[in-house]
Amino acid sequence: MAQGIAGAQRAGEIDDAALDPLLAASSIMTLIMGLMHAETLVPQLIGEAAWRDFIAAGVERLLAPR
């Protein structure tokens, strides 16, 4: 994932040269691992469009240019 983020930076798809690809990838993977437990922690959110949109926006903010 870090290599993909670095490649996106080189291609201009991620316009933040200061973004550390390894830290960004680690953050995203940590989020994914947490989401894997969502069905036990917050089962009422599974399948909710607002929850999905909230998570997607968080990842976008992480990778967005500053």
N, C-alpha and C. Protein backbone atom coordinates (compact mmCIF):
# COMPACT_ATOMS: atom_id res chain seq x y z
N MET A 1 0.83 -1.18 0.00
CA MET A 1 0.00 0.00 0.00
C MET A 1 0.88 1.25 0.00
N ALA A 2 1.96 1.24 0.77
CA ALA A 2 2.85 2.40 0.81
C ALA A 2 3.44 2.66 -0.57
N GLN A 3 3.79 1.60 -1.28
CA GLN A 3 4.33 1.77 -2.64
C GLN A 3 3.28 2.38 -3.56
N GLY A 4 2.04 1.99 -3.40
CA GLY A 4 0.95 2.55 -4.20
C GLY A 4 0.75 4.03 -3.91
N ILE A 5 0.83 4.40 -2.64
CA ILE A 5 0.69 5.80 -2.27
C ILE A 5 1.86 6.61 -2.83
N ALA A 6 3.08 6.08 -2.71
CA ALA A 6 4.26 6.76 -3.25
C ALA A 6 4.13 6.92 -4.76
N GLY A 7 3.65 5.88 -5.44
CA GLY A 7 3.44 5.96 -6.88
C GLY A 7 2.41 7.01 -7.25
N ALA A 8 1.35 7.11 -6.46
CA ALA A 8 0.33 8.12 -6.70
C ALA A 8 0.89 9.52 -6.48
N GLN A 9 1.79 9.66 -5.52
CA GLN A 9 2.46 10.95 -5.32
C GLN A 9 3.29 11.30 -6.56
N ARG A 10 4.07 10.35 -7.04
CA ARG A 10 4.92 10.60 -8.22
C ARG A 10 4.08 10.94 -9.45
N ALA A 11 2.91 10.32 -9.57
CA ALA A 11 2.04 10.54 -10.72
C ALA A 11 1.20 11.81 -10.57
N GLY A 12 1.30 12.47 -9.42
CA GLY A 12 0.53 13.68 -9.20
C GLY A 12 -0.90 13.43 -8.77
N GLU A 13 -1.25 12.18 -8.48
CA GLU A 13 -2.60 11.84 -8.04
C GLU A 13 -2.80 12.21 -6.58
N ILE A 14 -1.72 12.21 -5.81
CA ILE A 14 -1.72 12.70 -4.44
C ILE A 14 -0.74 13.86 -4.45
N ASP A 15 -1.27 15.04 -4.20
CA ASP A 15 -0.50 16.26 -4.40
C ASP A 15 0.16 16.76 -3.12
N ASP A 16 0.53 15.84 -2.24
CA ASP A 16 1.15 16.23 -0.97
C ASP A 16 2.49 15.50 -0.85
N ALA A 17 3.55 16.18 -1.23
CA ALA A 17 4.88 15.57 -1.19
C ALA A 17 5.33 15.29 0.24
N ALA A 18 4.75 15.99 1.21
CA ALA A 18 5.14 15.80 2.61
C ALA A 18 4.46 14.58 3.24
N LEU A 19 3.46 14.03 2.58
CA LEU A 19 2.77 12.86 3.11
C LEU A 19 3.72 11.67 3.10
N ASP A 20 3.92 11.06 4.24
CA ASP A 20 4.79 9.89 4.35
C ASP A 20 3.98 8.66 3.93
N PRO A 21 4.35 8.01 2.83
CA PRO A 21 3.58 6.87 2.34
C PRO A 21 3.46 5.73 3.36
N LEU A 22 4.52 5.46 4.10
CA LEU A 22 4.46 4.38 5.08
C LEU A 22 3.51 4.72 6.23
N LEU A 23 3.57 5.95 6.71
CA LEU A 23 2.66 6.35 7.79
C LEU A 23 1.21 6.37 7.30
N ALA A 24 1.00 6.86 6.08
CA ALA A 24 -0.36 6.89 5.53
C ALA A 24 -0.90 5.47 5.37
N ALA A 25 -0.08 4.59 4.82
CA ALA A 25 -0.51 3.20 4.63
C ALA A 25 -0.80 2.54 5.98
N SER A 26 0.05 2.80 6.96
CA SER A 26 -0.17 2.22 8.30
C SER A 26 -1.46 2.73 8.91
N SER A 27 -1.74 4.01 8.72
CA SER A 27 -2.98 4.58 9.25
C SER A 27 -4.20 3.94 8.60
N ILE A 28 -4.13 3.78 7.29
CA ILE A 28 -5.26 3.17 6.57
C ILE A 28 -5.44 1.72 7.00
N MET A 29 -4.35 0.98 7.14
CA MET A 29 -4.46 -0.42 7.54
C MET A 29 -5.00 -0.55 8.97
N THR A 30 -4.60 0.36 9.85
CA THR A 30 -5.13 0.36 11.21
C THR A 30 -6.63 0.63 11.19
N LEU A 31 -7.05 1.56 10.36
CA LEU A 31 -8.48 1.84 10.21
C LEU A 31 -9.21 0.60 9.70
N ILE A 32 -8.64 -0.05 8.70
CA ILE A 32 -9.27 -1.25 8.14
C ILE A 32 -9.38 -2.35 9.20
N MET A 33 -8.31 -2.54 9.97
CA MET A 33 -8.36 -3.57 11.01
C MET A 33 -9.44 -3.26 12.04
N GLY A 34 -9.59 -1.99 12.38
CA GLY A 34 -10.66 -1.61 13.30
C GLY A 34 -12.03 -1.84 12.70
N LEU A 35 -12.15 -1.53 11.41
CA LEU A 35 -13.44 -1.74 10.74
C LEU A 35 -13.83 -3.21 10.69
N MET A 36 -12.82 -4.08 10.69
CA MET A 36 -13.10 -5.52 10.67
C MET A 36 -13.80 -5.98 11.95
N HIS A 37 -13.69 -5.18 12.99
CA HIS A 37 -14.34 -5.51 14.26
C HIS A 37 -15.61 -4.70 14.49
N ALA A 38 -15.99 -3.91 13.52
CA ALA A 38 -17.15 -3.03 13.69
C ALA A 38 -18.43 -3.82 13.96
N GLU A 39 -18.53 -5.01 13.39
CA GLU A 39 -19.76 -5.77 13.58
C GLU A 39 -19.98 -6.16 15.04
N THR A 40 -18.91 -6.23 15.83
CA THR A 40 -19.08 -6.51 17.25
C THR A 40 -19.11 -5.24 18.09
N LEU A 41 -18.42 -4.19 17.62
CA LEU A 41 -18.35 -2.96 18.40
C LEU A 41 -19.56 -2.05 18.17
N VAL A 42 -19.93 -1.88 16.92
CA VAL A 42 -21.06 -1.00 16.56
C VAL A 42 -21.88 -1.64 15.44
N PRO A 43 -22.53 -2.76 15.74
CA PRO A 43 -23.22 -3.50 14.69
C PRO A 43 -24.31 -2.69 13.99
N GLN A 44 -24.87 -1.69 14.68
CA GLN A 44 -25.94 -0.90 14.08
C GLN A 44 -25.43 -0.05 12.90
N LEU A 45 -24.12 0.14 12.79
CA LEU A 45 -23.57 0.96 11.71
C LEU A 45 -23.30 0.16 10.43
N ILE A 46 -23.25 -1.16 10.56
CA ILE A 46 -22.94 -1.98 9.39
C ILE A 46 -24.04 -1.79 8.34
N GLY A 47 -23.63 -1.43 7.15
CA GLY A 47 -24.57 -1.22 6.05
C GLY A 47 -25.15 0.18 5.97
N GLU A 48 -24.84 1.02 6.94
CA GLU A 48 -25.37 2.39 6.94
C GLU A 48 -24.58 3.27 5.96
N ALA A 49 -25.28 3.94 5.07
CA ALA A 49 -24.64 4.79 4.07
C ALA A 49 -23.87 5.93 4.73
N ALA A 50 -24.40 6.51 5.79
CA ALA A 50 -23.74 7.62 6.45
C ALA A 50 -22.39 7.18 7.05
N TRP A 51 -22.35 5.99 7.62
CA TRP A 51 -21.12 5.44 8.18
C TRP A 51 -20.10 5.20 7.08
N ARG A 52 -20.52 4.57 6.00
CA ARG A 52 -19.65 4.31 4.85
C ARG A 52 -19.07 5.62 4.32
N ASP A 53 -19.92 6.62 4.16
CA ASP A 53 -19.47 7.91 3.65
C ASP A 53 -18.50 8.59 4.61
N PHE A 54 -18.75 8.47 5.91
CA PHE A 54 -17.87 9.05 6.92
C PHE A 54 -16.48 8.43 6.85
N ILE A 55 -16.42 7.11 6.75
CA ILE A 55 -15.13 6.42 6.67
C ILE A 55 -14.41 6.78 5.37
N ALA A 56 -15.13 6.79 4.25
CA ALA A 56 -14.52 7.15 2.97
C ALA A 56 -13.97 8.57 3.00
N ALA A 57 -14.69 9.48 3.61
CA ALA A 57 -14.23 10.87 3.71
C ALA A 57 -12.98 10.97 4.57
N GLY A 58 -12.89 10.17 5.60
CA GLY A 58 -11.70 10.17 6.45
C GLY A 58 -10.46 9.72 5.70
N VAL A 59 -10.61 8.68 4.89
CA VAL A 59 -9.48 8.21 4.08
C VAL A 59 -9.11 9.26 3.04
N GLU A 60 -10.10 9.88 2.43
CA GLU A 60 -9.83 10.93 1.45
C GLU A 60 -9.08 12.10 2.09
N ARG A 61 -9.48 12.48 3.30
CA ARG A 61 -8.79 13.58 4.00
C ARG A 61 -7.35 13.21 4.29
N LEU A 62 -7.11 11.97 4.63
CA LEU A 62 -5.75 11.52 4.91
C LEU A 62 -4.86 11.65 3.67
N LEU A 63 -5.42 11.34 2.53
CA LEU A 63 -4.63 11.33 1.30
C LEU A 63 -4.75 12.63 0.49
N ALA A 64 -5.60 13.53 0.93
CA ALA A 64 -5.84 14.77 0.18
C ALA A 64 -4.65 15.73 0.31
N PRO A 65 -4.49 16.56 -0.69
CA PRO A 65 -3.43 17.58 -0.59
C PRO A 65 -3.71 18.53 0.55
N ARG A 66 -2.66 19.01 1.14
CA ARG A 66 -2.82 19.96 2.23
C ARG A 66 -2.56 21.35 1.75
